[in-house]
Amino acid sequence: MIASVSAEESSFDCTIHQIASMPAKGEPPIPHQTVCKTEGKIENFISLDGDIDAFFLKSPFDQFEAGRTQLSIPTSLVSDGKRLDLDDHRSSELIVTRRRLGRKVIHRIGTWKVLAVRVIDSTGDGPTKDKRNLAHDIFDDALNLVSICVVIIAEYAR
């Protein structure tokens, strides 16, 4: 049986993003969070719960691309806590997926300005790496911040 949405029902149109964070020293790992965020003057988001990979296997796209895959979600599927269960069978039947077309980005030649902040709290807890190792990881090694940004820009330019 295929569920249907009434013509009058509104939808939440958004783009999928993933939020990653690092735990403080001694704290348990923080799992990545997948959200769907609106564009525009007022940002709003819905937390996407469930198996996102399984959800996309049922969609026209085999997988999602953070920042490019867009969803149109009927508001009846969204809980009061702004959560959406992708494992709910109605999700794969009612949510419309599409992919935002990439913009052509010209590779920028010149100086890239990067600010790296190393925070130590009032109890002395901070990153386990010292300043020199952090600087190396951010600026000097093969997978540094700038080289990763160049790869991302090249991907979006395709």
Protein backbone atom coordinates (compact mmCIF):
# COMPACT_ATOMS: atom_id res chain seq x y z
CA MET A 1 0.00 0.00 0.00
CA ILE A 2 1.39 3.40 -0.94
CA ALA A 3 0.73 6.30 1.40
CA SER A 4 -0.42 9.59 -0.02
CA VAL A 5 -0.05 13.20 0.98
CA SER A 6 -2.95 15.59 0.76
CA ALA A 7 -2.57 18.45 -1.71
CA GLU A 8 -2.88 20.98 1.09
CA GLU A 9 -0.12 19.54 3.28
CA SER A 10 2.96 21.69 3.52
CA SER A 11 6.49 20.40 3.23
CA PHE A 12 9.85 21.16 4.78
CA ASP A 13 12.35 21.75 1.95
CA CYS A 14 15.96 21.37 3.06
CA THR A 15 19.51 20.25 2.26
CA ILE A 16 21.25 17.38 4.07
CA HIS A 17 24.32 18.22 6.17
CA GLN A 18 26.41 16.22 8.61
CA ILE A 19 27.66 17.64 11.89
CA ALA A 20 30.81 16.17 13.38
CA SER A 21 32.37 17.12 16.70
CA MET A 22 35.28 16.12 18.84
CA PRO A 23 34.75 15.21 22.47
CA ALA A 24 36.61 16.95 25.27
CA LYS A 25 39.48 15.01 26.81
CA GLY A 26 38.16 12.07 28.81
CA GLU A 27 34.63 12.37 27.40
CA PRO A 28 32.97 9.64 25.32
CA PRO A 29 32.97 9.97 21.51
CA ILE A 30 30.22 12.11 20.02
CA PRO A 31 28.46 10.42 17.08
CA HIS A 32 28.05 12.34 13.84
CA GLN A 33 24.63 13.90 13.45
CA THR A 34 22.79 14.10 10.13
CA VAL A 35 20.41 17.03 9.74
CA CYS A 36 18.38 18.61 6.99
CA LYS A 37 18.70 22.41 7.02
CA THR A 38 16.67 25.07 5.24
CA GLU A 39 18.32 27.80 3.21
CA GLY A 40 17.44 31.44 3.55
CA LYS A 41 17.17 34.23 6.08
CA ILE A 42 15.90 32.03 8.89
CA GLU A 43 17.77 28.75 9.28
CA ASN A 44 15.83 25.80 10.56
CA PHE A 45 16.73 22.13 10.74
CA ILE A 46 15.37 18.65 11.31
CA SER A 47 17.44 15.83 12.83
CA LEU A 48 17.44 12.77 10.59
CA ASP A 49 17.24 9.56 12.63
CA GLY A 50 17.50 6.00 11.35
CA ASP A 51 19.59 4.37 8.63
CA ILE A 52 20.22 7.09 6.04
CA ASP A 53 22.11 4.71 3.74
CA ALA A 54 19.19 2.26 3.64
CA PHE A 55 16.80 5.18 3.00
CA PHE A 56 18.81 6.30 -0.04
CA LEU A 57 19.01 2.77 -1.46
CA LYS A 58 15.23 3.10 -1.94
CA SER A 59 15.50 6.55 -3.56
CA PRO A 60 16.44 7.55 -7.13
CA PHE A 61 19.95 8.27 -5.81
CA ASP A 62 22.08 5.45 -4.42
CA GLN A 63 23.61 7.70 -1.79
CA PHE A 64 23.39 11.22 -0.46
CA GLU A 65 25.94 14.00 -0.80
CA ALA A 66 26.13 16.33 2.20
CA GLY A 67 25.45 19.90 1.11
CA ARG A 68 23.97 18.86 -2.26
CA THR A 69 21.15 16.36 -1.65
CA GLN A 70 17.84 18.06 -0.99
CA LEU A 71 14.69 16.67 0.57
CA SER A 72 11.10 17.80 0.45
CA ILE A 73 9.59 16.34 3.63
CA PRO A 74 5.83 16.38 4.31
CA THR A 75 5.36 18.06 7.68
CA SER A 76 3.19 15.13 8.85
CA LEU A 77 6.37 13.00 9.04
CA VAL A 78 8.19 15.43 11.35
CA SER A 79 7.82 14.93 15.10
CA ASP A 80 7.29 17.79 17.56
CA GLY A 81 10.97 17.61 18.49
CA LYS A 82 11.91 18.31 14.85
CA ARG A 83 13.03 14.74 14.23
CA LEU A 84 12.41 12.53 11.23
CA ASP A 85 12.62 8.73 11.37
CA LEU A 86 14.06 7.58 8.05
CA ASP A 87 13.30 3.96 9.01
CA ASP A 88 9.54 4.72 8.96
CA HIS A 89 8.18 3.12 5.73
CA ARG A 90 6.26 6.32 4.96
CA SER A 91 9.55 8.25 4.68
CA SER A 92 10.73 6.39 1.58
CA GLU A 93 7.25 6.66 0.06
CA LEU A 94 6.55 10.35 0.71
CA ILE A 95 9.87 12.22 0.82
CA VAL A 96 10.99 13.67 -2.51
CA THR A 97 14.77 13.63 -3.05
CA ARG A 98 16.73 15.69 -5.55
CA ARG A 99 20.29 16.80 -6.00
CA ARG A 100 21.31 20.45 -6.20
CA LEU A 101 23.29 21.12 -9.32
CA GLY A 102 26.91 21.97 -8.60
CA ARG A 103 28.17 25.45 -9.21
CA LYS A 104 31.30 25.95 -11.25
CA VAL A 105 33.94 27.22 -8.87
CA ILE A 106 37.16 28.72 -10.15
CA HIS A 107 40.19 27.49 -8.25
CA ARG A 108 41.52 30.38 -6.23
CA ILE A 109 45.22 31.07 -6.55
CA GLY A 110 46.83 33.13 -3.83
CA THR A 111 46.96 33.28 -0.08
CA TRP A 112 44.53 31.28 1.99
CA LYS A 113 43.87 32.71 5.42
CA VAL A 114 43.28 30.14 8.13
CA LEU A 115 42.80 30.70 11.83
CA ALA A 116 43.56 27.71 14.05
CA VAL A 117 42.42 28.02 17.66
CA ARG A 118 43.72 25.71 20.38
CA VAL A 119 41.42 25.90 23.38
CA ILE A 120 42.34 24.92 26.93
CA ASP A 121 39.59 25.08 29.53
CA SER A 122 39.85 26.43 33.08
CA THR A 123 40.82 23.01 34.44
CA GLY A 124 43.71 22.68 31.98
CA ASP A 125 42.02 20.21 29.64
CA GLY A 126 42.91 20.76 26.00
CA PRO A 127 44.02 18.94 22.87
CA THR A 128 46.44 16.09 23.41
CA LYS A 129 48.70 17.43 20.64
CA ASP A 130 51.01 20.33 21.31
CA LYS A 131 51.12 23.53 19.20
CA ARG A 132 53.80 22.19 16.84
CA ASN A 133 51.89 18.95 16.07
CA LEU A 134 48.62 20.81 15.56
CA ALA A 135 50.31 23.29 13.22
CA HIS A 136 51.80 20.39 11.25
CA ASP A 137 48.41 18.65 10.95
CA ILE A 138 46.67 21.83 9.82
CA PHE A 139 49.28 23.35 7.49
CA ASP A 140 52.09 20.94 6.56
CA ASP A 141 51.13 17.28 6.18
CA ALA A 142 49.81 15.69 2.97
CA LEU A 143 46.20 15.85 4.16
CA ASN A 144 46.29 19.38 5.52
CA LEU A 145 43.35 21.76 5.69
CA VAL A 146 44.18 23.60 2.45
CA SER A 147 44.70 20.43 0.37
CA ILE A 148 41.38 19.04 1.63
CA CYS A 149 39.64 22.34 0.70
CA VAL A 150 41.15 22.17 -2.80
CA VAL A 151 39.78 18.62 -3.24
CA ILE A 152 36.33 19.70 -2.05
CA ILE A 153 36.30 22.71 -4.40
CA ALA A 154 37.35 20.48 -7.31
CA GLU A 155 34.51 18.04 -6.50
CA TYR A 156 31.91 20.82 -6.48
CA ALA A 157 33.28 22.25 -9.73
CA ARG A 158 32.47 19.01 -11.61
